[in-house]
Amino acid sequence: MQQPFTHYLRVRYAECDAQGVVFNARYGEYVDVAATEFSRAVWGNYQDLLARGLDTQVVKLTTTWVAPARFDDVLAIDVALAHLGRSSYQLTLTHRCHPTGKHIATSEITYVMVDSGAYQSTPIPDDLRQRLTDAGAGQVSNHAGVELPG
């Protein structure tokens, strides 16, 4: 099995609610940041995608929580391609506490490729389909600044 793309981030104080855990709405932000870093591995510079007359739009985002994350925890968010359709693709993001690996949450996000002028659904070009399938495997984005194994 291919290693996923992993994004590391540290939970900031302002992201926690009155119970001292990460506020549920923040997971949407975490997904957006991790998926954006994954996209950099796939598309490279986002402006290059726009220059091709293409863009992506989120059409669905769900999160299922298993355990709380708290202030100063480091989250390792694994990003994997779950489905690749004609004009859409779905990513599964697994949020884990680093370094314990404790499962915190799982998110799924669905994007649709659109024409950047008309914002109408358009097929994902073959070269980008291949990049979605191959890119990001085993790559790391470390915004937490923590030492990683290996």
N, C-alpha and C. Protein backbone atom coordinates (compact mmCIF):
# COMPACT_ATOMS: atom_id res chain seq x y z
N MET A 1 0.83 -1.19 0.00
CA MET A 1 0.00 0.00 0.00
C MET A 1 0.88 1.25 0.00
N GLN A 2 0.50 2.24 -0.77
CA GLN A 2 1.24 3.47 -0.92
C GLN A 2 1.15 4.31 0.37
N GLN A 3 2.27 4.92 0.77
CA GLN A 3 2.26 5.82 1.92
C GLN A 3 1.47 7.07 1.57
N PRO A 4 0.67 7.60 2.51
CA PRO A 4 -0.11 8.80 2.21
C PRO A 4 0.74 10.06 2.28
N PHE A 5 0.20 11.14 1.78
CA PHE A 5 0.75 12.47 2.01
C PHE A 5 0.37 12.82 3.45
N THR A 6 1.29 13.39 4.22
CA THR A 6 0.98 13.74 5.61
C THR A 6 1.31 15.20 5.88
N HIS A 7 0.35 15.88 6.48
CA HIS A 7 0.52 17.28 6.89
C HIS A 7 0.50 17.33 8.42
N TYR A 8 1.51 17.99 9.00
CA TYR A 8 1.60 18.14 10.45
C TYR A 8 1.27 19.58 10.83
N LEU A 9 0.42 19.74 11.84
CA LEU A 9 0.11 21.06 12.36
C LEU A 9 -0.02 21.00 13.87
N ARG A 10 0.23 22.12 14.52
CA ARG A 10 0.11 22.21 15.97
C ARG A 10 -1.17 22.97 16.30
N VAL A 11 -1.95 22.43 17.24
CA VAL A 11 -3.19 23.07 17.68
C VAL A 11 -2.85 24.33 18.47
N ARG A 12 -3.44 25.44 18.04
CA ARG A 12 -3.21 26.71 18.71
C ARG A 12 -4.30 26.96 19.75
N TYR A 13 -3.99 27.76 20.75
CA TYR A 13 -4.91 28.05 21.85
C TYR A 13 -6.25 28.59 21.35
N ALA A 14 -6.20 29.49 20.38
CA ALA A 14 -7.41 30.12 19.87
C ALA A 14 -8.33 29.15 19.13
N GLU A 15 -7.84 27.95 18.81
CA GLU A 15 -8.64 26.95 18.10
C GLU A 15 -9.44 26.06 19.05
N CYS A 16 -9.29 26.30 20.36
CA CYS A 16 -9.95 25.46 21.35
C CYS A 16 -11.21 26.14 21.89
N ASP A 17 -12.19 25.30 22.25
CA ASP A 17 -13.46 25.82 22.77
C ASP A 17 -13.45 25.87 24.29
N ALA A 18 -14.60 26.18 24.89
CA ALA A 18 -14.70 26.32 26.34
C ALA A 18 -14.38 25.03 27.09
N GLN A 19 -14.51 23.89 26.43
CA GLN A 19 -14.17 22.61 27.07
C GLN A 19 -12.68 22.29 26.98
N GLY A 20 -11.91 23.15 26.32
CA GLY A 20 -10.48 22.95 26.21
C GLY A 20 -10.07 22.01 25.09
N VAL A 21 -10.99 21.72 24.19
CA VAL A 21 -10.66 20.86 23.05
C VAL A 21 -10.82 21.66 21.76
N VAL A 22 -10.28 21.13 20.68
CA VAL A 22 -10.39 21.81 19.39
C VAL A 22 -11.86 21.95 19.03
N PHE A 23 -12.27 23.17 18.74
CA PHE A 23 -13.64 23.46 18.34
C PHE A 23 -13.93 22.75 17.03
N ASN A 24 -15.09 22.12 16.93
CA ASN A 24 -15.39 21.27 15.77
C ASN A 24 -15.27 22.00 14.43
N ALA A 25 -15.61 23.27 14.37
CA ALA A 25 -15.53 24.01 13.10
C ALA A 25 -14.09 24.16 12.61
N ARG A 26 -13.13 24.06 13.50
CA ARG A 26 -11.72 24.21 13.11
C ARG A 26 -11.26 23.06 12.23
N TYR A 27 -11.93 21.92 12.32
CA TYR A 27 -11.52 20.79 11.49
C TYR A 27 -11.70 21.10 10.01
N GLY A 28 -12.69 21.93 9.68
CA GLY A 28 -12.84 22.35 8.29
C GLY A 28 -11.62 23.13 7.82
N GLU A 29 -11.07 23.95 8.70
CA GLU A 29 -9.84 24.68 8.38
C GLU A 29 -8.66 23.74 8.26
N TYR A 30 -8.58 22.76 9.17
CA TYR A 30 -7.49 21.79 9.10
C TYR A 30 -7.53 21.01 7.79
N VAL A 31 -8.74 20.62 7.39
CA VAL A 31 -8.91 19.90 6.13
C VAL A 31 -8.47 20.78 4.97
N ASP A 32 -8.88 22.04 5.00
CA ASP A 32 -8.53 22.95 3.91
C ASP A 32 -7.01 23.12 3.80
N VAL A 33 -6.34 23.29 4.93
CA VAL A 33 -4.89 23.47 4.91
C VAL A 33 -4.20 22.20 4.41
N ALA A 34 -4.58 21.04 4.96
CA ALA A 34 -3.94 19.78 4.56
C ALA A 34 -4.22 19.47 3.08
N ALA A 35 -5.45 19.71 2.63
CA ALA A 35 -5.79 19.45 1.23
C ALA A 35 -5.07 20.43 0.30
N THR A 36 -4.87 21.66 0.76
CA THR A 36 -4.12 22.64 -0.04
C THR A 36 -2.67 22.20 -0.19
N GLU A 37 -2.06 21.72 0.90
CA GLU A 37 -0.68 21.25 0.82
C GLU A 37 -0.58 20.01 -0.07
N PHE A 38 -1.59 19.13 0.02
CA PHE A 38 -1.64 17.97 -0.89
C PHE A 38 -1.73 18.46 -2.34
N SER A 39 -2.56 19.47 -2.57
CA SER A 39 -2.72 20.01 -3.92
C SER A 39 -1.42 20.58 -4.47
N ARG A 40 -0.62 21.18 -3.61
CA ARG A 40 0.69 21.68 -4.05
C ARG A 40 1.54 20.53 -4.58
N ALA A 41 1.43 19.38 -3.91
CA ALA A 41 2.18 18.20 -4.36
C ALA A 41 1.64 17.69 -5.70
N VAL A 42 0.34 17.88 -5.94
CA VAL A 42 -0.30 17.40 -7.16
C VAL A 42 -0.14 18.40 -8.30
N TRP A 43 -0.60 19.62 -8.09
CA TRP A 43 -0.64 20.60 -9.18
C TRP A 43 0.63 21.43 -9.25
N GLY A 44 1.40 21.49 -8.17
CA GLY A 44 2.51 22.43 -8.10
C GLY A 44 1.93 23.79 -7.73
N ASN A 45 2.27 24.81 -8.46
CA ASN A 45 1.79 26.15 -8.21
C ASN A 45 0.31 26.25 -8.62
N TYR A 46 -0.53 26.68 -7.71
CA TYR A 46 -1.97 26.83 -7.97
C TYR A 46 -2.22 27.74 -9.18
N GLN A 47 -1.38 28.74 -9.35
CA GLN A 47 -1.54 29.65 -10.48
C GLN A 47 -1.40 28.93 -11.82
N ASP A 48 -0.60 27.85 -11.84
CA ASP A 48 -0.44 27.07 -13.07
C ASP A 48 -1.75 26.37 -13.44
N LEU A 49 -2.49 25.92 -12.43
CA LEU A 49 -3.80 25.32 -12.68
C LEU A 49 -4.75 26.36 -13.26
N LEU A 50 -4.77 27.54 -12.67
CA LEU A 50 -5.63 28.63 -13.17
C LEU A 50 -5.24 29.04 -14.58
N ALA A 51 -3.94 29.04 -14.87
CA ALA A 51 -3.46 29.42 -16.21
C ALA A 51 -3.97 28.45 -17.27
N ARG A 52 -4.29 27.23 -16.85
CA ARG A 52 -4.85 26.24 -17.78
C ARG A 52 -6.36 26.41 -17.94
N GLY A 53 -6.92 27.40 -17.24
CA GLY A 53 -8.36 27.62 -17.32
C GLY A 53 -9.14 26.68 -16.41
N LEU A 54 -8.47 26.13 -15.38
CA LEU A 54 -9.10 25.16 -14.48
C LEU A 54 -9.05 25.63 -13.04
N ASP A 55 -9.99 25.13 -12.26
CA ASP A 55 -10.01 25.40 -10.83
C ASP A 55 -10.76 24.23 -10.18
N THR A 56 -10.75 24.19 -8.86
CA THR A 56 -11.51 23.16 -8.15
C THR A 56 -12.45 23.84 -7.17
N GLN A 57 -13.59 23.20 -6.93
CA GLN A 57 -14.55 23.69 -5.95
C GLN A 57 -14.94 22.55 -5.03
N VAL A 58 -15.05 22.88 -3.74
CA VAL A 58 -15.51 21.90 -2.76
C VAL A 58 -17.03 21.77 -2.90
N VAL A 59 -17.51 20.52 -2.98
CA VAL A 59 -18.95 20.29 -3.04
C VAL A 59 -19.46 19.51 -1.84
N LYS A 60 -18.52 18.90 -1.07
CA LYS A 60 -18.94 18.16 0.11
C LYS A 60 -17.77 18.02 1.07
N LEU A 61 -18.07 18.20 2.35
CA LEU A 61 -17.07 18.00 3.39
C LEU A 61 -17.76 17.41 4.61
N THR A 62 -17.27 16.26 5.07
CA THR A 62 -17.81 15.63 6.27
C THR A 62 -16.65 15.28 7.21
N THR A 63 -16.95 15.30 8.49
CA THR A 63 -15.96 14.89 9.50
C THR A 63 -16.66 14.04 10.54
N THR A 64 -16.01 12.96 10.91
CA THR A 64 -16.47 12.09 11.98
C THR A 64 -15.40 12.10 13.06
N TRP A 65 -15.80 12.46 14.29
CA TRP A 65 -14.85 12.57 15.39
C TRP A 65 -14.83 11.29 16.21
N VAL A 66 -13.63 10.94 16.68
CA VAL A 66 -13.44 9.74 17.48
C VAL A 66 -12.94 10.11 18.88
N ALA A 67 -12.07 11.13 18.96
CA ALA A 67 -11.48 11.56 20.23
C ALA A 67 -11.15 13.05 20.13
N PRO A 68 -10.99 13.72 21.27
CA PRO A 68 -10.67 15.15 21.22
C PRO A 68 -9.20 15.41 20.97
N ALA A 69 -8.93 16.53 20.33
CA ALA A 69 -7.58 17.07 20.24
C ALA A 69 -7.58 18.32 21.11
N ARG A 70 -6.42 18.63 21.70
CA ARG A 70 -6.33 19.73 22.65
C ARG A 70 -5.20 20.68 22.28
N PHE A 71 -5.21 21.83 22.96
CA PHE A 71 -4.18 22.85 22.76
C PHE A 71 -2.79 22.23 22.82
N ASP A 72 -1.96 22.60 21.86
CA ASP A 72 -0.56 22.22 21.73
C ASP A 72 -0.35 20.79 21.23
N ASP A 73 -1.43 20.03 21.01
CA ASP A 73 -1.27 18.73 20.35
C ASP A 73 -0.74 18.96 18.94
N VAL A 74 0.03 18.02 18.47
CA VAL A 74 0.45 18.04 17.06
C VAL A 74 -0.40 17.01 16.35
N LEU A 75 -1.08 17.45 15.31
CA LEU A 75 -1.90 16.55 14.51
C LEU A 75 -1.15 16.17 13.24
N ALA A 76 -1.15 14.89 12.94
CA ALA A 76 -0.64 14.37 11.67
C ALA A 76 -1.87 14.04 10.84
N ILE A 77 -2.04 14.72 9.74
CA ILE A 77 -3.22 14.52 8.90
C ILE A 77 -2.79 13.83 7.62
N ASP A 78 -3.17 12.56 7.50
CA ASP A 78 -2.87 11.79 6.30
C ASP A 78 -3.91 12.10 5.24
N VAL A 79 -3.46 12.37 4.04
CA VAL A 79 -4.35 12.70 2.93
C VAL A 79 -4.18 11.64 1.85
N ALA A 80 -5.28 11.02 1.46
CA ALA A 80 -5.22 9.98 0.43
C ALA A 80 -6.37 10.16 -0.55
N LEU A 81 -6.09 9.88 -1.80
CA LEU A 81 -7.13 9.89 -2.83
C LEU A 81 -8.05 8.70 -2.60
N ALA A 82 -9.34 8.97 -2.41
CA ALA A 82 -10.30 7.90 -2.14
C ALA A 82 -11.11 7.54 -3.38
N HIS A 83 -11.34 8.52 -4.25
CA HIS A 83 -12.15 8.27 -5.45
C HIS A 83 -11.75 9.28 -6.52
N LEU A 84 -11.69 8.82 -7.74
CA LEU A 84 -11.40 9.69 -8.88
C LEU A 84 -12.45 9.45 -9.94
N GLY A 85 -13.31 10.45 -10.11
CA GLY A 85 -14.37 10.36 -11.11
C GLY A 85 -14.01 11.11 -12.38
N ARG A 86 -14.99 11.34 -13.23
CA ARG A 86 -14.77 12.03 -14.50
C ARG A 86 -14.37 13.49 -14.27
N SER A 87 -15.11 14.18 -13.40
CA SER A 87 -14.82 15.58 -13.14
C SER A 87 -14.64 15.87 -11.64
N SER A 88 -14.73 14.84 -10.83
CA SER A 88 -14.60 15.05 -9.39
C SER A 88 -13.61 14.07 -8.79
N TYR A 89 -13.16 14.41 -7.59
CA TYR A 89 -12.31 13.50 -6.83
C TYR A 89 -12.58 13.71 -5.35
N GLN A 90 -12.37 12.65 -4.59
CA GLN A 90 -12.60 12.68 -3.16
C GLN A 90 -11.31 12.32 -2.43
N LEU A 91 -11.02 13.09 -1.38
CA LEU A 91 -9.89 12.82 -0.52
C LEU A 91 -10.40 12.36 0.84
N THR A 92 -9.70 11.40 1.44
CA THR A 92 -9.95 11.00 2.82
C THR A 92 -8.79 11.51 3.64
N LEU A 93 -9.11 12.20 4.73
CA LEU A 93 -8.10 12.76 5.62
C LEU A 93 -8.26 12.12 6.99
N THR A 94 -7.21 11.50 7.48
CA THR A 94 -7.22 10.86 8.78
C THR A 94 -6.39 11.71 9.73
N HIS A 95 -7.04 12.25 10.76
CA HIS A 95 -6.40 13.11 11.75
C HIS A 95 -5.93 12.24 12.91
N ARG A 96 -4.63 12.26 13.18
CA ARG A 96 -4.06 11.48 14.28
C ARG A 96 -3.20 12.39 15.16
N CYS A 97 -3.09 12.05 16.43
CA CYS A 97 -2.18 12.75 17.33
C CYS A 97 -0.77 12.24 17.07
N HIS A 98 0.18 13.17 16.97
CA HIS A 98 1.58 12.81 16.78
C HIS A 98 2.29 12.99 18.11
N PRO A 99 3.10 12.10 18.58
CA PRO A 99 3.61 10.92 17.92
C PRO A 99 2.87 9.63 18.28
N THR A 100 1.80 9.71 19.08
CA THR A 100 1.14 8.48 19.56
C THR A 100 0.37 7.74 18.48
N GLY A 101 -0.09 8.47 17.45
CA GLY A 101 -0.89 7.85 16.40
C GLY A 101 -2.36 7.71 16.77
N LYS A 102 -2.75 8.23 17.94
CA LYS A 102 -4.15 8.12 18.37
C LYS A 102 -5.07 8.76 17.33
N HIS A 103 -6.09 8.01 16.91
CA HIS A 103 -7.05 8.48 15.91
C HIS A 103 -7.96 9.53 16.52
N ILE A 104 -8.03 10.70 15.90
CA ILE A 104 -8.84 11.81 16.39
C ILE A 104 -10.11 11.96 15.56
N ALA A 105 -9.97 11.95 14.24
CA ALA A 105 -11.12 12.17 13.37
C ALA A 105 -10.80 11.70 11.95
N THR A 106 -11.85 11.53 11.16
CA THR A 106 -11.70 11.24 9.74
C THR A 106 -12.59 12.20 8.98
N SER A 107 -12.02 12.82 7.95
CA SER A 107 -12.78 13.74 7.11
C SER A 107 -12.75 13.26 5.67
N GLU A 108 -13.80 13.57 4.96
CA GLU A 108 -13.86 13.32 3.52
C GLU A 108 -14.25 14.61 2.84
N ILE A 109 -13.52 14.95 1.79
CA ILE A 109 -13.80 16.16 1.03
C ILE A 109 -13.87 15.82 -0.45
N THR A 110 -14.90 16.33 -1.11
CA THR A 110 -15.09 16.09 -2.54
C THR A 110 -14.94 17.41 -3.29
N TYR A 111 -14.12 17.36 -4.33
CA TYR A 111 -13.89 18.50 -5.20
C TYR A 111 -14.43 18.20 -6.59
N VAL A 112 -14.85 19.25 -7.29
CA VAL A 112 -15.21 19.15 -8.70
C VAL A 112 -14.29 20.07 -9.48
N MET A 113 -13.73 19.55 -10.56
CA MET A 113 -12.91 20.36 -11.46
C MET A 113 -13.86 21.23 -12.28
N VAL A 114 -13.54 22.52 -12.35
CA VAL A 114 -14.39 23.45 -13.09
C VAL A 114 -13.55 24.28 -14.05
N ASP A 115 -14.23 24.78 -15.07
CA ASP A 115 -13.67 25.76 -15.97
C ASP A 115 -13.57 27.05 -15.16
N SER A 116 -12.39 27.66 -15.09
CA SER A 116 -12.21 28.82 -14.21
C SER A 116 -12.90 30.09 -14.71
N GLY A 117 -13.40 30.07 -15.93
CA GLY A 117 -14.15 31.23 -16.44
C GLY A 117 -15.63 31.11 -16.16
N ALA A 118 -16.20 29.98 -16.53
CA ALA A 118 -17.65 29.77 -16.41
C ALA A 118 -18.04 29.10 -15.09
N TYR A 119 -17.09 28.53 -14.40
CA TYR A 119 -17.32 27.75 -13.18
C TYR A 119 -18.35 26.65 -13.40
N GLN A 120 -18.19 25.98 -14.54
CA GLN A 120 -18.99 24.81 -14.86
C GLN A 120 -18.10 23.58 -14.78
N SER A 121 -18.68 22.48 -14.36
CA SER A 121 -17.96 21.22 -14.25
C SER A 121 -17.29 20.88 -15.58
N THR A 122 -16.06 20.38 -15.48
CA THR A 122 -15.32 19.99 -16.67
C THR A 122 -14.52 18.73 -16.35
N PRO A 123 -14.29 17.87 -17.31
CA PRO A 123 -13.52 16.65 -17.04
C PRO A 123 -12.11 16.99 -16.56
N ILE A 124 -11.60 16.16 -15.67
CA ILE A 124 -10.23 16.31 -15.20
C ILE A 124 -9.31 15.82 -16.32
N PRO A 125 -8.40 16.67 -16.81
CA PRO A 125 -7.51 16.27 -17.90
C PRO A 125 -6.68 15.04 -17.51
N ASP A 126 -6.34 14.23 -18.51
CA ASP A 126 -5.61 12.97 -18.27
C ASP A 126 -4.32 13.16 -17.49
N ASP A 127 -3.54 14.21 -17.81
CA ASP A 127 -2.28 14.41 -17.10
C ASP A 127 -2.52 14.74 -15.63
N LEU A 128 -3.59 15.48 -15.33
CA LEU A 128 -3.90 15.81 -13.95
C LEU A 128 -4.48 14.60 -13.21
N ARG A 129 -5.20 13.76 -13.93
CA ARG A 129 -5.70 12.51 -13.34
C ARG A 129 -4.53 11.65 -12.88
N GLN A 130 -3.50 11.58 -13.73
CA GLN A 130 -2.32 10.80 -13.39
C GLN A 130 -1.61 11.40 -12.18
N ARG A 131 -1.50 12.72 -12.16
CA ARG A 131 -0.84 13.39 -11.04
C ARG A 131 -1.62 13.19 -9.75
N LEU A 132 -2.94 13.20 -9.81
CA LEU A 132 -3.75 12.93 -8.62
C LEU A 132 -3.49 11.53 -8.10
N THR A 133 -3.33 10.59 -9.00
CA THR A 133 -3.10 9.20 -8.61
C THR A 133 -1.73 9.00 -8.00
N ASP A 134 -0.71 9.70 -8.52
CA ASP A 134 0.67 9.47 -8.12
C ASP A 134 1.22 10.43 -7.07
N ALA A 135 0.77 11.68 -7.11
CA ALA A 135 1.43 12.73 -6.32
C ALA A 135 1.17 12.62 -4.83
N GLY A 136 2.10 13.11 -4.09
CA GLY A 136 1.95 13.22 -2.66
C GLY A 136 2.34 12.00 -1.87
N ALA A 137 2.47 10.86 -2.51
CA ALA A 137 2.76 9.62 -1.78
C ALA A 137 4.03 9.75 -0.97
N GLY A 138 3.89 9.58 0.34
CA GLY A 138 5.04 9.63 1.23
C GLY A 138 5.59 11.01 1.50
N GLN A 139 5.05 12.05 0.87
CA GLN A 139 5.54 13.40 1.10
C GLN A 139 4.99 13.95 2.41
N VAL A 140 5.71 14.92 2.97
CA VAL A 140 5.35 15.50 4.26
C VAL A 140 5.36 17.01 4.16
N SER A 141 4.37 17.63 4.79
CA SER A 141 4.30 19.07 4.98
C SER A 141 4.28 19.29 6.49
N ASN A 142 5.30 19.93 7.04
CA ASN A 142 5.46 20.00 8.49
C ASN A 142 5.33 21.44 8.98
N HIS A 143 4.10 21.92 9.16
CA HIS A 143 3.87 23.25 9.70
C HIS A 143 4.04 23.29 11.21
N ALA A 144 4.10 22.13 11.86
CA ALA A 144 4.25 22.07 13.31
C ALA A 144 5.69 22.25 13.74
N GLY A 145 6.62 22.01 12.83
CA GLY A 145 8.03 22.15 13.15
C GLY A 145 8.57 21.09 14.11
N VAL A 146 7.92 19.94 14.12
CA VAL A 146 8.35 18.87 15.01
C VAL A 146 9.35 17.96 14.30
N GLU A 147 10.18 17.31 15.10
CA GLU A 147 11.11 16.35 14.53
C GLU A 147 10.33 15.09 14.15
N LEU A 148 10.58 14.60 12.96
CA LEU A 148 9.86 13.45 12.46
C LEU A 148 10.81 12.26 12.34
N PRO A 149 10.26 11.05 12.50
CA PRO A 149 11.11 9.87 12.37
C PRO A 149 11.66 9.71 10.96
N GLY A 150 12.83 9.07 10.86
CA GLY A 150 13.41 8.75 9.56
C GLY A 150 14.06 9.90 8.98
